[in-house]
C-alpha atoms as a PDB file:
ATOM      1  CA  MET A   1      13.436   8.354 -28.568  1.00  0.00           C
ATOM      2  CA  ARG A   2      14.498   8.604 -24.485  1.00  0.00           C
ATOM      3  CA  ASN A   3      15.292   5.622 -22.443  1.00  0.00           C
ATOM      4  CA  ARG A   4      15.131   5.003 -19.167  1.00  0.00           C
ATOM      5  CA  MET A   5      16.887   1.999 -17.770  1.00  0.00           C
ATOM      6  CA  ILE A   6      15.460  -0.052 -14.661  1.00  0.00           C
ATOM      7  CA  ARG A   7      17.308  -2.256 -12.768  1.00  0.00           C
ATOM      8  CA  ALA A   8      14.401  -5.258 -11.944  1.00  0.00           C
ATOM      9  CA  MET A   9      15.721  -8.428 -10.619  1.00  0.00           C
ATOM     10  CA  GLY A  10      19.496  -7.810 -11.600  1.00  0.00           C
ATOM     11  CA  VAL A  11      17.998  -7.209 -15.249  1.00  0.00           C
ATOM     12  CA  ALA A  12      18.255  -3.802 -17.436  1.00  0.00           C
ATOM     13  CA  LEU A  13      14.350  -3.456 -18.498  1.00  0.00           C
ATOM     14  CA  VAL A  14      14.115  -0.374 -20.736  1.00  0.00           C
ATOM     15  CA  LEU A  15      11.682   1.375 -21.416  1.00  0.00           C
ATOM     16  CA  CYS A  16      10.832   3.622 -24.143  1.00  0.00           C
ATOM     17  CA  LEU A  17       8.976   6.567 -23.124  1.00  0.00           C
ATOM     18  CA  SER A  18       7.227   9.768 -24.995  1.00  0.00           C
ATOM     19  CA  VAL A  19       7.233   7.719 -28.442  1.00  0.00           C
ATOM     20  CA  PRO A  20       4.068   7.466 -30.606  1.00  0.00           C
ATOM     21  CA  ASP A  21       3.739   3.820 -30.389  1.00  0.00           C
ATOM     22  CA  TRP A  22       4.508   3.672 -26.480  1.00  0.00           C
ATOM     23  CA  ALA A  23       1.002   1.501 -25.900  1.00  0.00           C
ATOM     24  CA  GLN A  24       2.394  -1.432 -28.159  1.00  0.00           C
ATOM     25  CA  GLN A  25       5.757  -1.549 -26.852  1.00  0.00           C
ATOM     26  CA  VAL A  26       5.130  -1.278 -23.087  1.00  0.00           C
ATOM     27  CA  THR A  27       1.492  -1.513 -21.416  1.00  0.00           C
ATOM     28  CA  PRO A  28       0.083   0.245 -18.504  1.00  0.00           C
ATOM     29  CA  ARG A  29       0.613  -2.986 -16.799  1.00  0.00           C
ATOM     30  CA  ALA A  30       3.709  -4.211 -17.725  1.00  0.00           C
ATOM     31  CA  ALA A  31       5.391  -0.437 -16.770  1.00  0.00           C
ATOM     32  CA  MET A  32       3.609  -1.155 -13.346  1.00  0.00           C
ATOM     33  CA  VAL A  33       5.345  -4.699 -13.018  1.00  0.00           C
ATOM     34  CA  ALA A  34       9.277  -3.414 -14.256  1.00  0.00           C
ATOM     35  CA  PHE A  35       8.438  -0.233 -11.737  1.00  0.00           C
ATOM     36  CA  VAL A  36       7.915  -2.842  -8.229  1.00  0.00           C
ATOM     37  CA  GLU A  37      10.769  -4.954  -9.460  1.00  0.00           C
ATOM     38  CA  ALA A  38      13.046  -1.912  -9.851  1.00  0.00           C
ATOM     39  CA  ILE A  39      11.752  -0.743  -6.320  1.00  0.00           C
ATOM     40  CA  ALA A  40      12.453  -4.253  -5.007  1.00  0.00           C
ATOM     41  CA  ALA A  41      16.521  -4.273  -6.362  1.00  0.00           C
ATOM     42  CA  HIS A  42      16.743  -0.686  -5.332  1.00  0.00           C
ATOM     43  CA  ALA A  43      15.638  -1.363  -1.643  1.00  0.00           C
ATOM     44  CA  ARG A  44      17.355  -4.836  -1.275  1.00  0.00           C
ATOM     45  CA  GLU A  45      20.670  -2.967  -2.761  1.00  0.00           C
ATOM     46  CA  GLN A  46      21.095  -1.547   0.438  1.00  0.00           C
ATOM     47  CA  LYS A  47      19.177  -4.028   2.719  1.00  0.00           C
ATOM     48  CA  PRO A  48      18.813  -7.289   0.997  1.00  0.00           C
ATOM     49  CA  GLY A  49      16.042  -9.261   2.290  1.00  0.00           C
ATOM     50  CA  PHE A  50      14.163  -6.164   2.560  1.00  0.00           C
ATOM     51  CA  ALA A  51      10.404  -6.909   2.384  1.00  0.00           C
ATOM     52  CA  VAL A  52       7.864  -5.487  -0.548  1.00  0.00           C
ATOM     53  CA  PHE A  53       4.101  -5.289  -0.217  1.00  0.00           C
ATOM     54  CA  PRO A  54       1.776  -4.028  -2.873  1.00  0.00           C
ATOM     55  CA  GLN A  55      -1.508  -3.916  -2.403  1.00  0.00           C
ATOM     56  CA  ASN A  56      -4.264  -4.816  -4.247  1.00  0.00           C
ATOM     57  CA  ALA A  57      -4.103  -5.473  -8.209  1.00  0.00           C
ATOM     58  CA  ALA A  58      -2.908  -9.220  -7.441  1.00  0.00           C
ATOM     59  CA  GLU A  59      -4.270  -9.904 -10.689  1.00  0.00           C
ATOM     60  CA  LEU A  60      -0.216  -8.775 -11.722  1.00  0.00           C
ATOM     61  CA  GLY A  61       0.847 -11.673 -10.147  1.00  0.00           C
ATOM     62  CA  GLN A  62       0.172 -13.867 -13.284  1.00  0.00           C
ATOM     63  CA  ASP A  63       3.759 -12.050 -14.413  1.00  0.00           C
ATOM     64  CA  PRO A  64       6.096 -15.005 -12.948  1.00  0.00           C
ATOM     65  CA  GLY A  65       9.072 -12.157 -12.022  1.00  0.00           C
ATOM     66  CA  TYR A  66       6.421  -9.942 -10.240  1.00  0.00           C
ATOM     67  CA  LEU A  67       5.369 -13.174  -7.626  1.00  0.00           C
ATOM     68  CA  VAL A  68       9.231 -13.409  -7.394  1.00  0.00           C
ATOM     69  CA  THR A  69       9.940 -10.394  -6.615  1.00  0.00           C
ATOM     70  CA  VAL A  70       7.189  -9.494  -3.931  1.00  0.00           C
ATOM     71  CA  THR A  71       7.586 -10.906  -0.488  1.00  0.00           C
ATOM     72  CA  GLY A  72       3.410 -10.826  -0.211  1.00  0.00           C
ATOM     73  CA  ILE A  73       0.759  -8.986  -1.114  1.00  0.00           C
ATOM     74  CA  GLY A  74      -2.518  -6.890   0.852  1.00  0.00           C
ATOM     75  CA  GLN A  75      -5.589  -6.687  -0.082  1.00  0.00           C
ATOM     76  CA  GLU A  76      -8.211  -4.669   0.394  1.00  0.00           C
ATOM     77  CA  ASP A  77     -12.138  -5.435   0.530  1.00  0.00           C
ATOM     78  CA  THR A  78     -11.947  -9.383  -0.045  1.00  0.00           C
ATOM     79  CA  PHE A  79     -15.269  -9.915   2.234  1.00  0.00           C
ATOM     80  CA  TYR A  80     -16.317  -6.082   3.375  1.00  0.00           C
ATOM     81  CA  GLY A  81     -15.426  -2.915   2.214  1.00  0.00           C
ATOM     82  CA  TYR A  82     -15.958  -3.334  -1.751  1.00  0.00           C
ATOM     83  CA  ASN A  83     -18.544  -0.691  -2.505  1.00  0.00           C
ATOM     84  CA  GLU A  84     -18.619   0.929   1.182  1.00  0.00           C
ATOM     85  CA  PRO A  85     -17.194   0.107   4.642  1.00  0.00           C
ATOM     86  CA  GLY A  86     -18.976  -2.130   6.422  1.00  0.00           C
ATOM     87  CA  LYS A  87     -21.222  -3.979   3.654  1.00  0.00           C
ATOM     88  CA  LYS A  88     -20.387  -7.039   2.143  1.00  0.00           C
ATOM     89  CA  THR A  89     -18.062  -7.422  -1.006  1.00  0.00           C
ATOM     90  CA  PRO A  90     -20.354  -8.996  -3.538  1.00  0.00           C
ATOM     91  CA  PRO A  91     -19.962 -13.021  -3.822  1.00  0.00           C
ATOM     92  CA  ASP A  92     -18.460 -12.475  -7.791  1.00  0.00           C
ATOM     93  CA  ALA A  93     -16.225  -9.854  -6.499  1.00  0.00           C
ATOM     94  CA  THR A  94     -14.757 -12.020  -3.879  1.00  0.00           C
ATOM     95  CA  ALA A  95     -14.636 -14.690  -5.922  1.00  0.00           C
ATOM     96  CA  GLN A  96     -12.152 -12.949  -8.468  1.00  0.00           C
ATOM     97  CA  ILE A  97     -10.089 -11.735  -5.593  1.00  0.00           C
ATOM     98  CA  GLU A  98      -9.700 -15.273  -4.042  1.00  0.00           C
ATOM     99  CA  ALA A  99      -8.943 -16.464  -7.604  1.00  0.00           C
ATOM    100  CA  ASN A 100      -6.337 -13.742  -7.525  1.00  0.00           C
ATOM    101  CA  LEU A 101      -4.441 -14.443  -4.429  1.00  0.00           C
ATOM    102  CA  SER A 102      -4.272 -18.095  -5.059  1.00  0.00           C
ATOM    103  CA  LEU A 103      -1.343 -17.108  -7.373  1.00  0.00           C
ATOM    104  CA  PHE A 104       0.272 -15.265  -4.279  1.00  0.00           C
ATOM    105  CA  ARG A 105      -0.803 -18.700  -1.851  1.00  0.00           C
ATOM    106  CA  ALA A 106       0.650 -21.025  -4.352  1.00  0.00           C
ATOM    107  CA  ALA A 107       3.506 -19.218  -4.592  1.00  0.00           C
ATOM    108  CA  GLY A 108       4.507 -19.473  -0.624  1.00  0.00           C
ATOM    109  CA  LYS A 109       3.739 -15.985  -0.316  1.00  0.00           C
ATOM    110  CA  GLN A 110       1.600 -13.719   2.539  1.00  0.00           C
ATOM    111  CA  VAL A 111      -1.662 -12.644   1.816  1.00  0.00           C
ATOM    112  CA  LEU A 112      -2.091  -9.725   4.348  1.00  0.00           C
ATOM    113  CA  THR A 113      -6.740  -8.982   3.852  1.00  0.00           C
ATOM    114  CA  VAL A 114      -7.650  -5.821   5.028  1.00  0.00           C
ATOM    115  CA  ASP A 115     -11.542  -5.699   5.705  1.00  0.00           C
ATOM    116  CA  TYR A 116     -13.753  -2.411   6.462  1.00  0.00           C
ATOM    117  CA  PRO A 117     -16.566  -3.925   8.289  1.00  0.00           C
ATOM    118  CA  PHE A 118     -17.606  -0.735  10.150  1.00  0.00           C
ATOM    119  CA  GLN A 119     -19.649   1.803   8.398  1.00  0.00           C
ATOM    120  CA  ASN A 120     -18.137   5.083  10.889  1.00  0.00           C
ATOM    121  CA  PRO A 121     -14.786   5.245   8.647  1.00  0.00           C
ATOM    122  CA  ASN A 122     -12.997   6.923  12.053  1.00  0.00           C
ATOM    123  CA  LYS A 123     -13.818   4.441  14.869  1.00  0.00           C
ATOM    124  CA  PRO A 124     -14.804   1.040  15.502  1.00  0.00           C
ATOM    125  CA  ALA A 125     -18.411   0.195  16.945  1.00  0.00           C
ATOM    126  CA  PHE A 126     -18.279  -3.951  18.312  1.00  0.00           C
ATOM    127  CA  ASN A 127     -22.267  -4.160  18.415  1.00  0.00           C
ATOM    128  CA  THR A 128     -23.770  -8.259  17.632  1.00  0.00           C
ATOM    129  CA  ARG A 129     -24.097  -7.651  13.968  1.00  0.00           C
ATOM    130  CA  THR A 130     -20.187  -5.840  13.589  1.00  0.00           C
ATOM    131  CA  ARG A 131     -18.823  -8.832  15.105  1.00  0.00           C
ATOM    132  CA  LYS A 132     -20.265 -11.143  13.135  1.00  0.00           C
ATOM    133  CA  LYS A 133     -19.157 -10.001  10.705  1.00  0.00           C
ATOM    134  CA  ILE A 134     -15.211  -9.436  11.934  1.00  0.00           C
ATOM    135  CA  ASP A 135     -16.035 -13.435  13.265  1.00  0.00           C
ATOM    136  CA  ARG A 136     -16.871 -14.286   9.876  1.00  0.00           C
ATOM    137  CA  ILE A 137     -13.847 -12.366   7.871  1.00  0.00           C
ATOM    138  CA  TRP A 138     -11.742 -14.469  10.155  1.00  0.00           C
ATOM    139  CA  ALA A 139     -13.364 -17.992   9.655  1.00  0.00           C
ATOM    140  CA  LEU A 140     -12.882 -17.187   5.675  1.00  0.00           C
ATOM    141  CA  SER A 141      -9.998 -15.411   5.427  1.00  0.00           C
ATOM    142  CA  SER A 142      -8.093 -18.427   7.806  1.00  0.00           C
ATOM    143  CA  ALA A 143     -10.086 -20.829   5.385  1.00  0.00           C
ATOM    144  CA  GLN A 144      -7.536 -19.501   2.327  1.00  0.00           C
ATOM    145  CA  GLY A 145      -4.428 -19.042   4.293  1.00  0.00           C
ATOM    146  CA  TYR A 146      -4.940 -15.255   4.756  1.00  0.00           C
ATOM    147  CA  ILE A 147      -3.937 -13.402   7.507  1.00  0.00           C
ATOM    148  CA  PRO A 148      -6.515 -10.869   8.458  1.00  0.00           C
ATOM    149  CA  TYR A 149      -7.541  -7.927   9.666  1.00  0.00           C
ATOM    150  CA  ALA A 150     -10.399  -5.854   9.959  1.00  0.00           C
ATOM    151  CA  THR A 151     -10.685  -1.800  10.742  1.00  0.00           C
ATOM    152  CA  VAL A 152     -12.290   1.553   9.890  1.00  0.00           C
ATOM    153  CA  LEU A 153     -11.816   2.872   6.263  1.00  0.00           C
ATOM    154  CA  ASN A 154      -9.136   5.951   7.164  1.00  0.00           C
ATOM    155  CA  LEU A 155      -7.200   3.572   9.045  1.00  0.00           C
ATOM    156  CA  ASP A 156      -6.679   5.866  11.761  1.00  0.00           C
ATOM    157  CA  PHE A 157      -7.471   3.899  14.337  1.00  0.00           C
ATOM    158  CA  LEU A 158      -5.661   0.463  15.889  1.00  0.00           C
ATOM    159  CA  THR A 159      -8.109  -1.767  16.025  1.00  0.00           C
ATOM    160  CA  LEU A 160      -8.042  -4.678  18.412  1.00  0.00           C
ATOM    161  CA  ASN A 161     -11.141  -6.928  16.960  1.00  0.00           C
ATOM    162  CA  PRO A 162     -12.641  -8.886  20.075  1.00  0.00           C
ATOM    163  CA  GLY A 163     -11.759 -12.421  20.385  1.00  0.00           C
ATOM    164  CA  HIS A 164      -9.114 -12.433  17.345  1.00  0.00           C
ATOM    165  CA  GLU A 165      -6.572 -10.112  19.839  1.00  0.00           C
ATOM    166  CA  PRO A 166      -3.345 -10.698  19.293  1.00  0.00           C
ATOM    167  CA  ASN A 167      -0.635 -12.401  21.724  1.00  0.00           C
ATOM    168  CA  PRO A 168       2.022 -10.795  22.638  1.00  0.00           C
ATOM    169  CA  ASN A 169       5.343 -11.631  21.381  1.00  0.00           C
ATOM    170  CA  HIS A 170       7.695 -13.518  23.996  1.00  0.00           C
ATOM    171  CA  GLY A 171      10.320 -13.077  21.636  1.00  0.00           C
ATOM    172  CA  ALA A 172      11.503 -10.748  18.409  1.00  0.00           C
ATOM    173  CA  ILE A 173      10.106 -11.869  14.851  1.00  0.00           C
ATOM    174  CA  THR A 174      12.596 -12.468  12.643  1.00  0.00           C
ATOM    175  CA  GLU A 175      11.362 -14.312   9.735  1.00  0.00           C
ATOM    176  CA  TRP A 176       8.541 -13.235   7.603  1.00  0.00           C
ATOM    177  CA  SER A 177       6.989 -17.121   8.424  1.00  0.00           C
ATOM    178  CA  GLN A 178       6.468 -16.403  11.652  1.00  0.00           C
ATOM    179  CA  VAL A 179       3.785 -13.865  11.403  1.00  0.00           C
ATOM    180  CA  GLN A 180       0.557 -14.413  12.142  1.00  0.00           C
ATOM    181  CA  ASN A 181      -1.330 -10.914  12.691  1.00  0.00           C
ATOM    182  CA  PHE A 182      -0.873  -7.486  11.454  1.00  0.00           C
ATOM    183  CA  ALA A 183      -2.034  -4.423  11.941  1.00  0.00           C
ATOM    184  CA  TYR A 184      -2.826  -1.294   9.747  1.00  0.00           C
ATOM    185  CA  GLN A 185      -2.603   2.084  11.345  1.00  0.00           C
ATOM    186  CA  LEU A 186      -1.549   5.309   9.012  1.00  0.00           C
ATOM    187  CA  GLN A 187      -2.317   8.177  11.069  1.00  0.00           C
ATOM    188  CA  PRO A 188      -3.388   8.702  14.798  1.00  0.00           C
ATOM    189  CA  ALA A 189      -6.954   8.530  16.157  1.00  0.00           C
ATOM    190  CA  ARG A 190      -7.912  12.248  16.734  1.00  0.00           C
ATOM    191  CA  LYS A 191      -5.762  14.339  19.246  1.00  0.00           C
ATOM    192  CA  GLU A 192      -3.608  11.388  19.773  1.00  0.00           C
ATOM    193  CA  PRO A 193      -0.384  12.204  20.912  1.00  0.00           C
ATOM    194  CA  ARG A 194       2.910  11.106  19.408  1.00  0.00           C
ATOM    195  CA  GLY A 195       4.118   8.930  22.325  1.00  0.00           C
ATOM    196  CA  ALA A 196       0.543   7.512  22.970  1.00  0.00           C
ATOM    197  CA  PHE A 197       0.142   7.035  18.819  1.00  0.00           C
ATOM    198  CA  LEU A 198       3.703   4.771  19.265  1.00  0.00           C
ATOM    199  CA  SER A 199       2.999   3.043  22.940  1.00  0.00           C
ATOM    200  CA  ALA A 200      -0.461   1.160  21.454  1.00  0.00           C
ATOM    201  CA  LEU A 201       1.397  -0.095  18.562  1.00  0.00           C
ATOM    202  CA  GLY A 202       4.282  -1.274  20.703  1.00  0.00           C
ATOM    203  CA  SER A 203       2.108  -2.942  23.435  1.00  0.00           C
ATOM    204  CA  SER A 204      -0.340  -4.117  20.822  1.00  0.00           C
ATOM    205  CA  GLY A 205       0.723  -7.608  20.183  1.00  0.00           C
ATOM    206  CA  TYR A 206       1.180  -7.406  16.517  1.00  0.00           C
ATOM    207  CA  ASP A 207       3.802  -9.382  15.088  1.00  0.00           C
ATOM    208  CA  LEU A 208       3.478  -6.658  11.996  1.00  0.00           C
ATOM    209  CA  VAL A 209       2.356  -3.401  11.734  1.00  0.00           C
ATOM    210  CA  VAL A 210       2.122  -1.218   8.411  1.00  0.00           C
ATOM    211  CA  MET A 211       2.189   2.721   9.685  1.00  0.00           C
ATOM    212  CA  ASP A 212       3.313   5.576   7.672  1.00  0.00           C
ATOM    213  CA  TYR A 213       7.132   7.215   7.714  1.00  0.00           C
ATOM    214  CA  SER A 214       5.563  10.011   9.391  1.00  0.00           C
ATOM    215  CA  PHE A 215       3.356  10.931  12.359  1.00  0.00           C
ATOM    216  CA  ASP A 216       1.260  13.065  10.231  1.00  0.00           C
ATOM    217  CA  GLY A 217       2.573  12.153   6.810  1.00  0.00           C
ATOM    218  CA  SER A 218       4.507  15.643   6.601  1.00  0.00           C
ATOM    219  CA  GLY A 219       8.062  15.506   6.663  1.00  0.00           C
ATOM    220  CA  PRO A 220       8.978  17.749   9.536  1.00  0.00           C
ATOM    221  CA  GLN A 221       6.633  15.132  11.544  1.00  0.00           C
ATOM    222  CA  ALA A 222       8.758  12.089   9.784  1.00  0.00           C
ATOM    223  CA  PHE A 223       9.702   9.481  12.501  1.00  0.00           C
ATOM    224  CA  THR A 224      13.287   9.067  14.088  1.00  0.00           C
ATOM    225  CA  SER A 225      14.615   5.918  13.660  1.00  0.00           C
ATOM    226  CA  GLU A 226      15.790   6.083  17.305  1.00  0.00           C
ATOM    227  CA  GLU A 227      11.529   6.087  17.795  1.00  0.00           C
ATOM    228  CA  VAL A 228      11.361   3.012  15.014  1.00  0.00           C
ATOM    229  CA  ALA A 229      14.275   1.122  16.561  1.00  0.00           C
ATOM    230  CA  ALA A 230      11.971   1.545  19.856  1.00  0.00           C
ATOM    231  CA  LEU A 231       9.063   0.697  18.787  1.00  0.00           C
ATOM    232  CA  LYS A 232      10.629  -2.559  17.377  1.00  0.00           C
ATOM    233  CA  ALA A 233      11.936  -3.531  20.696  1.00  0.00           C
ATOM    234  CA  GLN A 234       8.833  -2.581  22.254  1.00  0.00           C
ATOM    235  CA  CYS A 235       6.550  -4.997  19.963  1.00  0.00           C
ATOM    236  CA  GLY A 236       8.955  -7.594  18.477  1.00  0.00           C
ATOM    237  CA  CYS A 237       7.136  -6.759  15.201  1.00  0.00           C
ATOM    238  CA  LYS A 238       8.319  -6.257  11.545  1.00  0.00           C
ATOM    239  CA  LEU A 239       7.835  -2.589  10.292  1.00  0.00           C
ATOM    240  CA  LEU A 240       6.587  -2.042   6.968  1.00  0.00           C
ATOM    241  CA  ALA A 241       6.332   2.039   5.517  1.00  0.00           C
ATOM    242  CA  TYR A 242       3.155   2.994   3.619  1.00  0.00           C
ATOM    243  CA  VAL A 243       4.598   4.239   0.333  1.00  0.00           C
ATOM    244  CA  SER A 244       1.804   5.596  -2.618  1.00  0.00           C
ATOM    245  CA  ILE A 245       3.366   4.491  -6.093  1.00  0.00           C
ATOM    246  CA  GLY A 246       0.430   5.117  -8.272  1.00  0.00           C
ATOM    247  CA  GLU A 247      -0.390   8.855  -6.868  1.00  0.00           C
ATOM    248  CA  ALA A 248       1.229  11.761  -5.444  1.00  0.00           C
ATOM    249  CA  GLU A 249       0.071  13.589  -1.866  1.00  0.00           C
ATOM    250  CA  ASN A 250       0.146  16.882  -2.021  1.00  0.00           C
ATOM    251  CA  TYR A 251       1.222  16.640   2.303  1.00  0.00           C
ATOM    252  CA  ARG A 252       4.181  14.539   0.902  1.00  0.00           C
ATOM    253  CA  TRP A 253       7.716  15.931   1.549  1.00  0.00           C
ATOM    254  CA  TYR A 254       7.731  16.126  -2.475  1.00  0.00           C
ATOM    255  CA  TRP A 255       5.539  18.500  -3.111  1.00  0.00           C
ATOM    256  CA  GLN A 256       6.128  21.622  -4.400  1.00  0.00           C
ATOM    257  CA  SER A 257       3.103  24.368  -3.815  1.00  0.00           C
ATOM    258  CA  SER A 258       4.146  25.584  -7.525  1.00  0.00           C
ATOM    259  CA  TRP A 259       3.055  21.954  -8.734  1.00  0.00           C
ATOM    260  CA  ASN A 260      -0.933  23.843  -7.802  1.00  0.00           C
ATOM    261  CA  THR A 261      -0.969  26.009 -10.861  1.00  0.00           C
ATOM    262  CA  VAL A 262       2.637  24.241 -12.691  1.00  0.00           C
ATOM    263  CA  PRO A 263       2.094  21.049 -12.520  1.00  0.00           C
ATOM    264  CA  PRO A 264       4.827  18.729 -13.514  1.00  0.00           C
ATOM    265  CA  PRO A 265       4.353  16.822 -16.670  1.00  0.00           C
ATOM    266  CA  TRP A 266       3.621  13.236 -14.665  1.00  0.00           C
ATOM    267  CA  LEU A 267       1.454  14.869 -12.536  1.00  0.00           C
ATOM    268  CA  GLY A 268      -2.362  13.551 -13.630  1.00  0.00           C
ATOM    269  CA  PRO A 269      -5.741  14.393 -12.567  1.00  0.00           C
ATOM    270  CA  GLU A 270      -7.051  14.229  -8.865  1.00  0.00           C
ATOM    271  CA  ASN A 271      -8.437  11.300  -7.506  1.00  0.00           C
ATOM    272  CA  PRO A 272     -12.389  12.463  -7.080  1.00  0.00           C
ATOM    273  CA  ASN A 273     -12.508   9.283  -3.886  1.00  0.00           C
ATOM    274  CA  TRP A 274      -9.243  11.168  -2.251  1.00  0.00           C
ATOM    275  CA  PRO A 275      -9.027  14.793  -2.468  1.00  0.00           C
ATOM    276  CA  GLY A 276      -5.211  16.088  -2.637  1.00  0.00           C
ATOM    277  CA  ASP A 277      -4.070  12.807  -3.907  1.00  0.00           C
ATOM    278  CA  TYR A 278      -3.332  12.805  -8.028  1.00  0.00           C
ATOM    279  CA  ARG A 279      -2.744  10.021 -10.332  1.00  0.00           C
ATOM    280  CA  VAL A 280       0.754   9.920 -11.644  1.00  0.00           C
ATOM    281  CA  LYS A 281       2.508   8.537 -14.715  1.00  0.00           C
ATOM    282  CA  PHE A 282       4.780   5.920 -13.406  1.00  0.00           C
ATOM    283  CA  TRP A 283       6.886   5.490 -15.766  1.00  0.00           C
ATOM    284  CA  ASP A 284       8.272   8.897 -15.718  1.00  0.00           C
ATOM    285  CA  PRO A 285      11.969   8.648 -14.410  1.00  0.00           C
ATOM    286  CA  ALA A 286      11.217  12.112 -12.373  1.00  0.00           C
ATOM    287  CA  TRP A 287       8.406  10.442 -10.738  1.00  0.00           C
ATOM    288  CA  GLN A 288      10.152   6.875 -10.141  1.00  0.00           C
ATOM    289  CA  GLU A 289      13.618   8.726  -8.848  1.00  0.00           C
ATOM    290  CA  ILE A 290      11.500  10.786  -6.322  1.00  0.00           C
ATOM    291  CA  ILE A 291      10.203   6.993  -4.708  1.00  0.00           C
ATOM    292  CA  PHE A 292      13.776   6.050  -4.916  1.00  0.00           C
ATOM    293  CA  GLN A 293      14.473   9.093  -2.706  1.00  0.00           C
ATOM    294  CA  TYR A 294      11.469   7.897  -0.102  1.00  0.00           C
ATOM    295  CA  LEU A 295      12.923   4.308  -0.220  1.00  0.00           C
ATOM    296  CA  ASP A 296      16.203   5.711   0.796  1.00  0.00           C
ATOM    297  CA  MET A 297      14.124   8.257   3.708  1.00  0.00           C
ATOM    298  CA  VAL A 298      12.197   4.651   4.873  1.00  0.00           C
ATOM    299  CA  LEU A 299      15.178   2.491   5.010  1.00  0.00           C
ATOM    300  CA  ALA A 300      17.179   4.447   6.970  1.00  0.00           C
ATOM    301  CA  GLN A 301      14.564   5.016   9.376  1.00  0.00           C
ATOM    302  CA  GLY A 302      15.004   1.653  10.136  1.00  0.00           C
ATOM    303  CA  PHE A 303      11.809  -0.229   8.707  1.00  0.00           C
ATOM    304  CA  ASP A 304      12.070  -3.485   7.262  1.00  0.00           C
ATOM    305  CA  GLY A 305       9.870  -3.090   4.115  1.00  0.00           C
ATOM    306  CA  VAL A 306       7.901  -1.021   2.167  1.00  0.00           C
ATOM    307  CA  TYR A 307       4.154  -1.384   1.713  1.00  0.00           C
ATOM    308  CA  LEU A 308       3.452  -0.442  -1.548  1.00  0.00           C
ATOM    309  CA  ASP A 309      -0.006   1.317  -2.362  1.00  0.00           C
ATOM    310  CA  THR A 310      -1.997   2.465  -5.822  1.00  0.00           C
ATOM    311  CA  VAL A 311      -0.124  -0.226  -7.464  1.00  0.00           C
ATOM    312  CA  ASP A 312      -3.503  -0.259  -9.077  1.00  0.00           C
ATOM    313  CA  THR A 313      -3.219   2.744 -10.840  1.00  0.00           C
ATOM    314  CA  TYR A 314      -1.902   0.858 -13.998  1.00  0.00           C
ATOM    315  CA  GLY A 315      -5.992   0.474 -14.468  1.00  0.00           C
ATOM    316  CA  TYR A 316      -6.394   3.715 -14.555  1.00  0.00           C
ATOM    317  CA  TRP A 317      -4.035   4.640 -17.336  1.00  0.00           C
ATOM    318  CA  GLN A 318      -4.847   1.729 -19.547  1.00  0.00           C
ATOM    319  CA  ARG A 319      -8.765   2.196 -19.641  1.00  0.00           C
ATOM    320  CA  HIS A 320      -7.920   5.679 -20.356  1.00  0.00           C
ATOM    321  CA  ASN A 321      -5.160   4.656 -22.659  1.00  0.00           C
ATOM    322  CA  PHE A 322      -2.817   7.557 -21.875  1.00  0.00           C
ATOM    323  CA  MET A 323       0.314   6.227 -21.972  1.00  0.00           C
ATOM    324  CA  ASP A 324       0.469   6.424 -25.560  1.00  0.00           C
ATOM    325  CA  ASN A 325      -1.933  10.046 -25.614  1.00  0.00           C
ATOM    326  CA  GLN A 326       0.826  12.438 -23.438  1.00  0.00           C
ATOM    327  CA  ALA A 327      -1.646  15.462 -24.678  1.00  0.00           C
ATOM    328  CA  ARG A 328      -4.350  14.486 -22.626  1.00  0.00           C
ATOM    329  CA  ARG A 329      -2.705  14.586 -19.096  1.00  0.00           C
ATOM    330  CA  ARG A 330      -6.216  16.760 -17.291  1.00  0.00           C
ATOM    331  CA  GLY A 331      -8.974  14.299 -18.724  1.00  0.00           C
ATOM    332  CA  SER A 332     -12.253  13.554 -17.098  1.00  0.00           C
ATOM    333  CA  ASP A 333     -12.125  11.026 -14.628  1.00  0.00           C
ATOM    334  CA  GLY A 334     -14.244   8.181 -15.276  1.00  0.00           C
ATOM    335  CA  ALA A 335     -12.843   5.591 -13.175  1.00  0.00           C
ATOM    336  CA  ALA A 336     -15.757   3.622 -11.564  1.00  0.00           C
ATOM    337  CA  GLY A 337     -12.932   2.010  -8.820  1.00  0.00           C
ATOM    338  CA  ARG A 338     -13.980   2.620  -4.928  1.00  0.00           C
ATOM    339  CA  PRO A 339     -12.662   4.697  -2.392  1.00  0.00           C
ATOM    340  CA  ARG A 340      -8.968   3.368  -1.347  1.00  0.00           C
ATOM    341  CA  GLY A 341      -8.787   2.567   2.366  1.00  0.00           C
ATOM    342  CA  ARG A 342      -5.809   4.899   3.449  1.00  0.00           C
ATOM    343  CA  GLN A 343      -5.867   8.186   5.244  1.00  0.00           C
ATOM    344  CA  PRO A 344      -6.588  10.929   2.544  1.00  0.00           C
ATOM    345  CA  HIS A 345      -4.696  13.573   3.705  1.00  0.00           C
ATOM    346  CA  GLY A 346      -1.959  14.666   6.349  1.00  0.00           C
ATOM    347  CA  SER A 347      -2.093  18.181   8.368  1.00  0.00           C
ATOM    348  CA  GLY A 348       1.433  19.002   7.257  1.00  0.00           C
END
């Protein structure tokens, strides 16, 4: 038996790994809740008030500790994009999403909704039909107390939605409660230079920007602390760094070429929706240590918080019963999950 001590909300939580009755001791869902709590504790030891916004898996808000820990939540596809970009989300899916998000609203947490009303995954087209979709997103989101954003699936375009453009900030956003609008762009538009990318974000007027820690996702192109400080000064906004915690991405700083032939034991199968992204056994201490190092990097850069993607990976392991069957590391991927709204590849 091997124990991993995870600090979450100041309480030591023991996760027992590599034991036959794992599933009876800690479920994938409970392990993800503990992991997010540990991420928050690790970051806030260095920077009190550091924000944590998980994306999707809003059902985890049923756990009281999780709900207390997070600053807010990001939710994709509430109204458009659940099955494919540009398509209306099925009413039953919207109802379930809203029921889960109500837990966060009742707790006074911010809810950031990201919808994909554009068919083109890389560039928006503001025709009459699409503008009606955008207006519908804002009307429905505002009625629920959400903070909406509509953009392209690959998140490689800064989308200023007509009629819903943000007003420029006349002072720095100092409290999360002041955030009234946000943008979500991970990679630059095609052939967009680094300086132009940062300048466009800085002059956009958004209160909150979700972005990558790096210009192209790779280590060598990571933004400097000076660039992050200059961006925050220009826009007066809060900045969240995107970090995927349930999947490993083969263009990130931590990826080793040897993993292509001899993967570490915690690396699972490739996500068929996003080539180059691999499910991870996120409860494994080796993977968690990578994420803690990732956190240290974005803290040093000066980000105000993290936007945690692939939290819903716990559902994959739960469906495939992998946590109590460690031998089945390379099985077929039967997940029916929709594409996730993020850039699948960096160029580094």
